[in-house]
């Protein structure tokens, strides 16, 4: 189960607070919410501090969102390690 809360400030910065598990199903929900805001020109900050689990699909979606310009701000070391691209 995932909970996504969108917090917009007065500017064009939007904070996406994610809680729970990012799985194959819930990652589609997360991607949809983020892409919608990115297409409006908002700068997105991802707060994954409440994420308790991410499967390979969830990790792939978060990596893709970061490549699209989302900023990973808050998360556990485990989640940060999972979503960071391995060095070549």
N, C-alpha and C. Protein backbone atom coordinates (compact mmCIF):
# COMPACT_ATOMS: atom_id res chain seq x y z
N UNK A 1 0.83 -1.18 0.00
CA UNK A 1 0.00 0.00 0.00
C UNK A 1 0.88 1.24 0.00
N UNK A 2 0.45 2.26 -0.74
CA UNK A 2 1.22 3.49 -0.85
C UNK A 2 0.31 4.68 -0.57
N UNK A 3 0.92 5.70 0.01
CA UNK A 3 0.21 6.96 0.23
C UNK A 3 1.07 8.05 -0.37
N UNK A 4 0.49 8.84 -1.28
CA UNK A 4 1.20 9.91 -1.95
C UNK A 4 0.51 11.22 -1.60
N UNK A 5 1.27 12.13 -1.03
CA UNK A 5 0.73 13.44 -0.67
C UNK A 5 1.50 14.50 -1.45
N UNK A 6 0.77 15.33 -2.17
CA UNK A 6 1.38 16.39 -2.96
C UNK A 6 1.24 17.70 -2.18
N UNK A 7 2.37 18.35 -1.92
CA UNK A 7 2.38 19.61 -1.18
C UNK A 7 3.00 20.66 -2.09
N UNK A 8 2.21 21.67 -2.46
CA UNK A 8 2.69 22.73 -3.34
C UNK A 8 2.86 24.01 -2.56
N UNK A 9 4.00 24.67 -2.74
CA UNK A 9 4.19 25.95 -2.07
C UNK A 9 3.76 27.08 -3.01
N UNK A 10 3.99 28.29 -2.62
CA UNK A 10 3.55 29.45 -3.40
C UNK A 10 4.28 29.55 -4.75
N UNK A 11 5.48 29.00 -4.82
CA UNK A 11 6.24 29.05 -6.07
C UNK A 11 5.89 27.86 -6.96
N UNK A 12 6.83 27.45 -7.77
CA UNK A 12 6.61 26.33 -8.67
C UNK A 12 7.25 25.05 -8.13
N UNK A 13 7.52 25.02 -6.82
CA UNK A 13 8.15 23.85 -6.21
C UNK A 13 7.06 22.97 -5.58
N UNK A 14 7.12 21.69 -5.88
CA UNK A 14 6.14 20.75 -5.37
C UNK A 14 6.86 19.63 -4.64
N UNK A 15 6.39 19.32 -3.43
CA UNK A 15 6.97 18.23 -2.64
C UNK A 15 6.04 17.03 -2.74
N UNK A 16 6.61 15.89 -3.10
CA UNK A 16 5.85 14.64 -3.19
C UNK A 16 6.29 13.76 -2.03
N UNK A 17 5.39 13.59 -1.08
CA UNK A 17 5.68 12.79 0.11
C UNK A 17 5.10 11.40 -0.11
N UNK A 18 5.98 10.40 -0.06
CA UNK A 18 5.58 9.02 -0.33
C UNK A 18 5.76 8.21 0.94
N UNK A 19 4.71 7.44 1.29
CA UNK A 19 4.76 6.58 2.47
C UNK A 19 4.30 5.19 2.08
N UNK A 20 4.93 4.19 2.67
CA UNK A 20 4.53 2.80 2.43
C UNK A 20 5.46 2.06 1.51
N UNK A 21 4.87 1.22 0.68
CA UNK A 21 5.63 0.32 -0.18
C UNK A 21 5.50 0.74 -1.64
N UNK A 22 6.65 0.86 -2.31
CA UNK A 22 6.63 1.16 -3.74
C UNK A 22 6.83 -0.16 -4.48
N UNK A 23 5.74 -0.66 -5.02
CA UNK A 23 5.75 -1.94 -5.74
C UNK A 23 5.41 -1.70 -7.21
N UNK A 24 5.33 -2.78 -7.97
CA UNK A 24 5.01 -2.65 -9.39
C UNK A 24 3.72 -1.86 -9.59
N UNK A 25 2.69 -2.17 -8.84
CA UNK A 25 1.40 -1.50 -8.98
C UNK A 25 1.46 -0.06 -8.49
N UNK A 26 1.98 0.15 -7.29
CA UNK A 26 1.98 1.49 -6.72
C UNK A 26 2.98 2.41 -7.43
N UNK A 27 4.01 1.86 -8.06
CA UNK A 27 4.97 2.70 -8.76
C UNK A 27 4.32 3.38 -9.96
N UNK A 28 3.31 2.74 -10.56
CA UNK A 28 2.59 3.37 -11.66
C UNK A 28 1.81 4.58 -11.17
N UNK A 29 1.23 4.47 -9.98
CA UNK A 29 0.51 5.58 -9.36
C UNK A 29 1.46 6.74 -9.06
N UNK A 30 2.63 6.40 -8.52
CA UNK A 30 3.63 7.41 -8.20
C UNK A 30 4.11 8.11 -9.47
N UNK A 31 4.44 7.33 -10.48
CA UNK A 31 4.91 7.91 -11.74
C UNK A 31 3.86 8.82 -12.35
N UNK A 32 2.62 8.39 -12.34
CA UNK A 32 1.54 9.21 -12.90
C UNK A 32 1.40 10.54 -12.20
N UNK A 33 1.43 10.52 -10.87
CA UNK A 33 1.30 11.76 -10.10
C UNK A 33 2.47 12.70 -10.38
N UNK A 34 3.68 12.16 -10.44
CA UNK A 34 4.86 13.00 -10.65
C UNK A 34 4.93 13.54 -12.07
N UNK A 35 4.67 12.70 -13.05
CA UNK A 35 4.75 13.14 -14.44
C UNK A 35 3.73 14.24 -14.72
N UNK A 36 2.56 14.13 -14.11
CA UNK A 36 1.54 15.18 -14.27
C UNK A 36 2.07 16.53 -13.80
N UNK A 37 2.72 16.56 -12.65
CA UNK A 37 3.25 17.81 -12.12
C UNK A 37 4.49 18.28 -12.90
N UNK A 38 5.32 17.34 -13.34
CA UNK A 38 6.48 17.72 -14.15
C UNK A 38 6.04 18.36 -15.47
N UNK A 39 4.98 17.83 -16.06
CA UNK A 39 4.50 18.36 -17.34
C UNK A 39 3.94 19.78 -17.19
N UNK A 40 3.56 20.16 -15.96
CA UNK A 40 3.08 21.51 -15.69
C UNK A 40 4.23 22.46 -15.40
N UNK A 41 5.45 21.96 -15.45
CA UNK A 41 6.63 22.79 -15.24
C UNK A 41 7.03 22.94 -13.79
N UNK A 42 6.44 22.16 -12.91
CA UNK A 42 6.79 22.23 -11.49
C UNK A 42 8.11 21.53 -11.23
N UNK A 43 8.86 22.04 -10.25
CA UNK A 43 10.07 21.39 -9.78
C UNK A 43 9.64 20.46 -8.65
N UNK A 44 9.93 19.17 -8.79
CA UNK A 44 9.49 18.20 -7.79
C UNK A 44 10.61 17.79 -6.86
N UNK A 45 10.27 17.73 -5.59
CA UNK A 45 11.15 17.21 -4.56
C UNK A 45 10.50 15.94 -4.03
N UNK A 46 11.24 14.83 -4.07
CA UNK A 46 10.73 13.57 -3.57
C UNK A 46 11.13 13.38 -2.11
N UNK A 47 10.14 13.13 -1.28
CA UNK A 47 10.37 12.82 0.13
C UNK A 47 9.98 11.34 0.31
N UNK A 48 10.99 10.49 0.37
CA UNK A 48 10.76 9.05 0.51
C UNK A 48 11.08 8.57 1.92
N UNK A 49 11.08 9.49 2.88
CA UNK A 49 11.43 9.11 4.24
C UNK A 49 10.44 8.13 4.85
N UNK A 50 9.22 8.06 4.34
CA UNK A 50 8.22 7.14 4.85
C UNK A 50 8.11 5.85 4.06
N UNK A 51 9.03 5.63 3.11
CA UNK A 51 9.01 4.40 2.30
C UNK A 51 9.63 3.27 3.10
N UNK A 52 8.89 2.17 3.21
CA UNK A 52 9.35 1.02 3.98
C UNK A 52 9.85 -0.13 3.10
N UNK A 53 9.55 -0.06 1.79
CA UNK A 53 9.94 -1.14 0.88
C UNK A 53 9.87 -0.61 -0.55
N UNK A 54 10.80 -1.04 -1.39
CA UNK A 54 10.75 -0.73 -2.82
C UNK A 54 11.25 -1.95 -3.58
N UNK A 55 10.39 -2.48 -4.48
CA UNK A 55 10.84 -3.60 -5.30
C UNK A 55 11.57 -3.05 -6.53
N UNK A 56 11.99 -3.92 -7.42
CA UNK A 56 12.79 -3.48 -8.57
C UNK A 56 12.02 -2.52 -9.46
N UNK A 57 10.71 -2.70 -9.60
CA UNK A 57 9.91 -1.77 -10.40
C UNK A 57 9.85 -0.40 -9.72
N UNK A 58 9.70 -0.40 -8.41
CA UNK A 58 9.67 0.86 -7.66
C UNK A 58 10.98 1.60 -7.77
N UNK A 59 12.08 0.88 -7.65
CA UNK A 59 13.41 1.49 -7.77
C UNK A 59 13.58 2.08 -9.17
N UNK A 60 13.16 1.34 -10.19
CA UNK A 60 13.28 1.82 -11.57
C UNK A 60 12.48 3.11 -11.78
N UNK A 61 11.29 3.19 -11.22
CA UNK A 61 10.46 4.39 -11.37
C UNK A 61 11.11 5.57 -10.67
N UNK A 62 11.61 5.37 -9.46
CA UNK A 62 12.26 6.48 -8.74
C UNK A 62 13.50 6.94 -9.51
N UNK A 63 14.28 6.01 -10.03
CA UNK A 63 15.46 6.38 -10.83
C UNK A 63 15.05 7.21 -12.04
N UNK A 64 13.97 6.79 -12.71
CA UNK A 64 13.49 7.50 -13.89
C UNK A 64 13.02 8.91 -13.51
N UNK A 65 12.33 9.03 -12.39
CA UNK A 65 11.86 10.35 -11.95
C UNK A 65 13.04 11.28 -11.66
N UNK A 66 14.09 10.74 -11.07
CA UNK A 66 15.29 11.53 -10.80
C UNK A 66 15.93 11.99 -12.12
N UNK A 67 15.97 11.09 -13.11
CA UNK A 67 16.52 11.46 -14.42
C UNK A 67 15.69 12.54 -15.09
N UNK A 68 14.38 12.56 -14.80
CA UNK A 68 13.48 13.58 -15.38
C UNK A 68 13.56 14.91 -14.64
N UNK A 69 14.33 14.96 -13.56
CA UNK A 69 14.52 16.22 -12.87
C UNK A 69 14.01 16.30 -11.45
N UNK A 70 13.41 15.24 -10.95
CA UNK A 70 12.97 15.24 -9.56
C UNK A 70 14.21 15.22 -8.65
N UNK A 71 14.08 15.88 -7.52
CA UNK A 71 15.18 15.93 -6.56
C UNK A 71 14.85 15.02 -5.39
N UNK A 72 15.73 14.09 -5.10
CA UNK A 72 15.57 13.20 -3.97
C UNK A 72 16.09 13.92 -2.73
N UNK A 73 15.18 14.26 -1.84
CA UNK A 73 15.59 15.06 -0.69
C UNK A 73 15.66 14.25 0.60
N UNK A 74 14.60 13.60 0.96
CA UNK A 74 14.56 12.86 2.21
C UNK A 74 14.28 11.39 1.95
N UNK A 75 15.14 10.54 2.51
CA UNK A 75 14.90 9.10 2.44
C UNK A 75 15.90 8.41 3.37
N UNK A 76 15.62 7.15 3.63
CA UNK A 76 16.54 6.38 4.46
C UNK A 76 17.79 6.04 3.64
N UNK A 77 18.84 5.66 4.31
CA UNK A 77 20.07 5.26 3.61
C UNK A 77 19.81 4.05 2.72
N UNK A 78 18.96 3.14 3.18
CA UNK A 78 18.64 1.95 2.39
C UNK A 78 18.00 2.36 1.07
N UNK A 79 17.00 3.20 1.12
CA UNK A 79 16.33 3.64 -0.11
C UNK A 79 17.29 4.41 -0.99
N UNK A 80 18.10 5.29 -0.41
CA UNK A 80 19.08 6.05 -1.20
C UNK A 80 20.04 5.10 -1.91
N UNK A 81 20.50 4.08 -1.22
CA UNK A 81 21.41 3.10 -1.81
C UNK A 81 20.74 2.35 -2.96
N UNK A 82 19.47 2.01 -2.79
CA UNK A 82 18.74 1.30 -3.84
C UNK A 82 18.57 2.13 -5.10
N UNK A 83 18.25 3.42 -4.95
CA UNK A 83 17.93 4.21 -6.12
C UNK A 83 19.13 4.87 -6.77
N UNK A 84 20.26 4.96 -6.09
CA UNK A 84 21.44 5.53 -6.71
C UNK A 84 21.93 4.60 -7.81
N UNK A 85 22.26 5.20 -8.94
CA UNK A 85 22.77 4.43 -10.06
C UNK A 85 24.15 3.88 -9.71
N UNK A 86 24.37 2.60 -9.98
CA UNK A 86 25.71 2.04 -9.71
C UNK A 86 26.75 2.69 -10.62
N UNK A 87 27.94 2.89 -10.10
CA UNK A 87 29.03 3.46 -10.89
C UNK A 87 29.50 2.46 -11.91
N UNK A 88 29.84 2.97 -13.09
CA UNK A 88 30.31 2.08 -14.17
C UNK A 88 31.79 1.86 -14.07
